[in-house]
């Protein structure tokens, strides 16, 4: 079966890129005030909001339809709506402080694991990181002409004076690499072509 497999170097690069993306997101959270110092501020805000909610709920337990505070009159319906809004705000703060860092960490670890093992997944038994390289053989080899860019440099300071393209003799080689599943023994073939100039 003819397929293409991501090399281990490509997998490593992809895994590093994913890690960089999540690190960037974490740095963004810190710069937005949600890092260690921002986290302390949020904890303090949560405590303040919770104490205000308790005080307002104590007022609501009284059988009064309105309250006067600092020269303004507040009605029961408005106060109850404000309590609901404050509880929603507290829940959002708790989500930011406690849940979001866990989700980001678990998600990044899972994605890095998945990307680094997916290309070596067996298509028959579906197990990850199962395919191992067992053999490589030469299929064909032939003479070709390879286009190269030649640079004419100054004899005095080595700077490039001009460039030109020229076809030079070369060789094209076709390889087959066989990967075998270490669990079920299924095989997978990857075909690779390399071209190089005979210099």
Protein backbone atom coordinates (compact mmCIF):
# COMPACT_ATOMS: atom_id res chain seq x y z
CA UNK A 1 0.00 0.00 0.00
CA UNK A 2 1.43 3.34 -1.06
CA UNK A 3 1.21 5.99 1.65
CA UNK A 4 3.22 8.89 2.96
CA UNK A 5 4.49 9.02 6.53
CA UNK A 6 5.61 12.10 8.43
CA UNK A 7 9.26 11.81 9.46
CA UNK A 8 10.27 11.98 13.11
CA UNK A 9 11.92 15.37 12.51
CA UNK A 10 8.68 16.74 11.06
CA UNK A 11 6.74 15.31 14.01
CA UNK A 12 9.12 16.96 16.44
CA UNK A 13 8.75 20.30 14.66
CA UNK A 14 4.94 20.02 14.75
CA UNK A 15 5.01 19.12 18.45
CA UNK A 16 7.28 22.09 19.19
CA UNK A 17 4.95 24.38 17.23
CA UNK A 18 1.94 23.17 19.22
CA UNK A 19 3.84 23.75 22.46
CA UNK A 20 4.78 27.25 21.30
CA UNK A 21 1.13 28.03 20.49
CA UNK A 22 -0.01 27.00 23.98
CA UNK A 23 2.93 28.81 25.59
CA UNK A 24 1.95 31.93 23.65
CA UNK A 25 -1.64 31.57 24.91
CA UNK A 26 -0.34 31.27 28.48
CA UNK A 27 1.87 34.35 28.05
CA UNK A 28 -1.15 36.21 26.65
CA UNK A 29 -3.15 35.29 29.76
CA UNK A 30 -0.33 36.59 31.97
CA UNK A 31 -0.11 39.84 29.99
CA UNK A 32 -3.89 40.22 30.28
CA UNK A 33 -3.59 40.21 34.05
CA UNK A 34 -4.50 36.57 34.56
CA UNK A 35 -1.04 35.37 35.58
CA UNK A 36 0.27 34.92 39.15
CA UNK A 37 -0.34 38.56 40.18
CA UNK A 38 -3.60 38.71 38.21
CA UNK A 39 -4.66 35.46 39.85
CA UNK A 40 -4.29 37.06 43.31
CA UNK A 41 -6.41 39.98 42.15
CA UNK A 42 -9.07 37.61 40.88
CA UNK A 43 -9.07 35.65 44.16
CA UNK A 44 -9.56 38.92 46.05
CA UNK A 45 -12.34 39.95 43.66
CA UNK A 46 -14.06 36.58 44.17
CA UNK A 47 -13.94 37.00 47.96
CA UNK A 48 -15.32 40.55 47.70
CA UNK A 49 -18.14 39.50 45.37
CA UNK A 50 -19.08 36.55 47.59
CA UNK A 51 -19.22 38.70 50.73
CA UNK A 52 -21.40 41.24 48.89
CA UNK A 53 -23.71 38.44 47.71
CA UNK A 54 -24.11 37.19 51.31
CA UNK A 55 -24.92 40.69 52.53
CA UNK A 56 -27.49 41.28 49.79
CA UNK A 57 -29.07 37.85 50.33
CA UNK A 58 -29.37 38.71 54.03
CA UNK A 59 -31.27 41.86 53.03
CA UNK A 60 -33.47 39.85 50.67
CA UNK A 61 -34.41 37.49 53.53
CA UNK A 62 -36.23 40.39 55.16
CA UNK A 63 -39.83 40.79 54.08
CA UNK A 64 -39.31 44.27 52.62
CA UNK A 65 -40.10 45.34 49.04
CA UNK A 66 -37.59 48.20 48.80
CA UNK A 67 -34.50 49.63 50.51
CA UNK A 68 -33.00 53.08 50.68
CA UNK A 69 -29.22 53.31 50.52
CA UNK A 70 -27.16 56.48 50.12
CA UNK A 71 -30.23 58.43 49.09
CA UNK A 72 -31.33 55.95 46.39
CA UNK A 73 -34.24 53.54 46.55
CA UNK A 74 -33.74 49.92 45.47
CA UNK A 75 -36.56 47.49 44.71
CA UNK A 76 -36.55 43.75 45.41
CA UNK A 77 -36.66 42.72 41.72
CA UNK A 78 -33.67 44.91 40.85
CA UNK A 79 -31.67 43.61 43.81
CA UNK A 80 -32.44 39.98 42.95
CA UNK A 81 -31.29 40.60 39.36
CA UNK A 82 -28.09 42.17 40.66
CA UNK A 83 -27.45 39.14 42.87
CA UNK A 84 -27.87 36.85 39.85
CA UNK A 85 -25.41 39.00 37.86
CA UNK A 86 -22.88 38.94 40.70
CA UNK A 87 -23.12 35.15 40.98
CA UNK A 88 -22.55 34.84 37.23
CA UNK A 89 -19.48 37.09 37.51
CA UNK A 90 -18.08 35.00 40.38
CA UNK A 91 -18.57 31.80 38.36
CA UNK A 92 -16.69 33.35 35.43
CA UNK A 93 -13.82 34.35 37.72
CA UNK A 94 -13.66 30.84 39.18
CA UNK A 95 -13.60 29.42 35.63
CA UNK A 96 -10.67 31.67 34.69
CA UNK A 97 -8.64 31.01 37.84
CA UNK A 98 -9.21 27.29 38.37
CA UNK A 99 -10.54 25.58 35.23
CA UNK A 100 -8.83 27.33 32.30
CA UNK A 101 -5.19 26.54 33.29
CA UNK A 102 -6.07 22.85 33.73
CA UNK A 103 -7.84 22.70 30.36
CA UNK A 104 -4.91 24.41 28.58
CA UNK A 105 -2.34 22.10 30.18
CA UNK A 106 -4.25 18.86 29.54
CA UNK A 107 -5.16 19.94 26.00
CA UNK A 108 -1.57 20.81 25.05
CA UNK A 109 -0.18 17.54 26.46
CA UNK A 110 -2.84 15.52 24.63
CA UNK A 111 -2.29 17.33 21.31
CA UNK A 112 1.48 16.91 21.48
CA UNK A 113 1.07 13.18 22.22
CA UNK A 114 -1.48 12.76 19.42
CA UNK A 115 0.60 14.57 16.79
CA UNK A 116 3.81 12.78 17.73
CA UNK A 117 2.23 9.31 17.50
CA UNK A 118 -0.50 9.66 14.86
CA UNK A 119 1.74 9.28 11.80
CA UNK A 120 3.01 5.93 13.18
CA UNK A 121 -0.54 4.62 13.76
CA UNK A 122 -1.36 1.19 12.27
CA UNK A 123 -4.24 1.35 9.80
CA UNK A 124 -5.20 -2.25 10.51
CA UNK A 125 -5.26 -2.54 14.31
CA UNK A 126 -5.57 1.27 14.86
CA UNK A 127 -2.90 1.34 17.58
CA UNK A 128 -0.79 4.49 17.96
CA UNK A 129 3.01 4.51 17.63
CA UNK A 130 2.91 0.97 16.25
CA UNK A 131 4.80 1.23 12.94
CA UNK A 132 8.55 0.56 13.01
CA UNK A 133 10.93 0.80 10.06
CA UNK A 134 12.02 -2.72 9.11
CA UNK A 135 13.79 -2.36 5.75
CA UNK A 136 14.77 0.04 2.99
CA UNK A 137 15.52 -1.07 -0.54
CA UNK A 138 16.63 0.63 -3.75
CA UNK A 139 13.94 0.45 -6.45
CA UNK A 140 15.59 2.28 -9.32
CA UNK A 141 18.39 4.66 -10.14
CA UNK A 142 19.04 6.72 -13.23
CA UNK A 143 21.03 9.57 -14.70
CA UNK A 144 19.34 12.96 -14.96
CA UNK A 145 20.26 16.61 -15.43
CA UNK A 146 19.83 18.81 -12.36
CA UNK A 147 19.31 22.58 -12.62
CA UNK A 148 21.73 24.45 -10.35
CA UNK A 149 22.24 28.11 -9.62
CA UNK A 150 25.87 29.13 -10.10
CA UNK A 151 27.24 32.26 -8.42
CA UNK A 152 30.08 34.26 -9.96
CA UNK A 153 32.03 35.81 -7.11
CA UNK A 154 34.60 38.58 -7.02
CA UNK A 155 38.18 37.38 -6.64
CA UNK A 156 38.94 40.26 -4.28
CA UNK A 157 36.19 40.36 -1.69
CA UNK A 158 34.08 37.28 -2.46
CA UNK A 159 30.84 39.17 -3.10
CA UNK A 160 28.42 37.77 -5.68
CA UNK A 161 28.74 39.58 -9.02
CA UNK A 162 26.12 37.59 -10.96
CA UNK A 163 24.14 34.35 -10.91
CA UNK A 164 23.28 31.93 -13.68
CA UNK A 165 21.40 28.66 -14.02
CA UNK A 166 22.94 25.60 -15.59
CA UNK A 167 21.99 21.93 -15.96
CA UNK A 168 24.62 19.55 -14.61
CA UNK A 169 24.74 15.74 -14.64
CA UNK A 170 23.10 14.11 -11.64
CA UNK A 171 21.37 11.00 -10.36
CA UNK A 172 17.79 10.23 -9.35
CA UNK A 173 17.29 7.40 -6.85
CA UNK A 174 13.96 5.84 -5.82
CA UNK A 175 13.72 4.05 -2.47
CA UNK A 176 11.04 1.98 -0.79
CA UNK A 177 10.92 1.98 3.00
CA UNK A 178 8.78 -0.70 4.68
CA UNK A 179 7.21 -0.10 8.09
CA UNK A 180 5.79 -3.05 10.04
CA UNK A 181 3.27 -2.93 12.87
CA UNK A 182 4.79 -4.32 16.06
CA UNK A 183 1.36 -5.52 17.21
CA UNK A 184 -0.39 -7.12 14.22
CA UNK A 185 2.44 -7.36 11.64
CA UNK A 186 0.70 -5.21 8.98
CA UNK A 187 3.09 -3.57 6.52
CA UNK A 188 3.10 -0.10 5.03
CA UNK A 189 5.40 1.09 2.23
CA UNK A 190 6.66 4.64 1.81
CA UNK A 191 8.28 5.63 -1.47
CA UNK A 192 10.93 8.31 -1.55
CA UNK A 193 12.84 9.94 -4.41
CA UNK A 194 16.13 11.80 -4.04
CA UNK A 195 17.93 13.83 -6.68
CA UNK A 196 21.46 15.13 -6.45
CA UNK A 197 24.10 16.56 -8.74
CA UNK A 198 27.31 14.68 -9.48
CA UNK A 199 29.82 17.28 -8.33
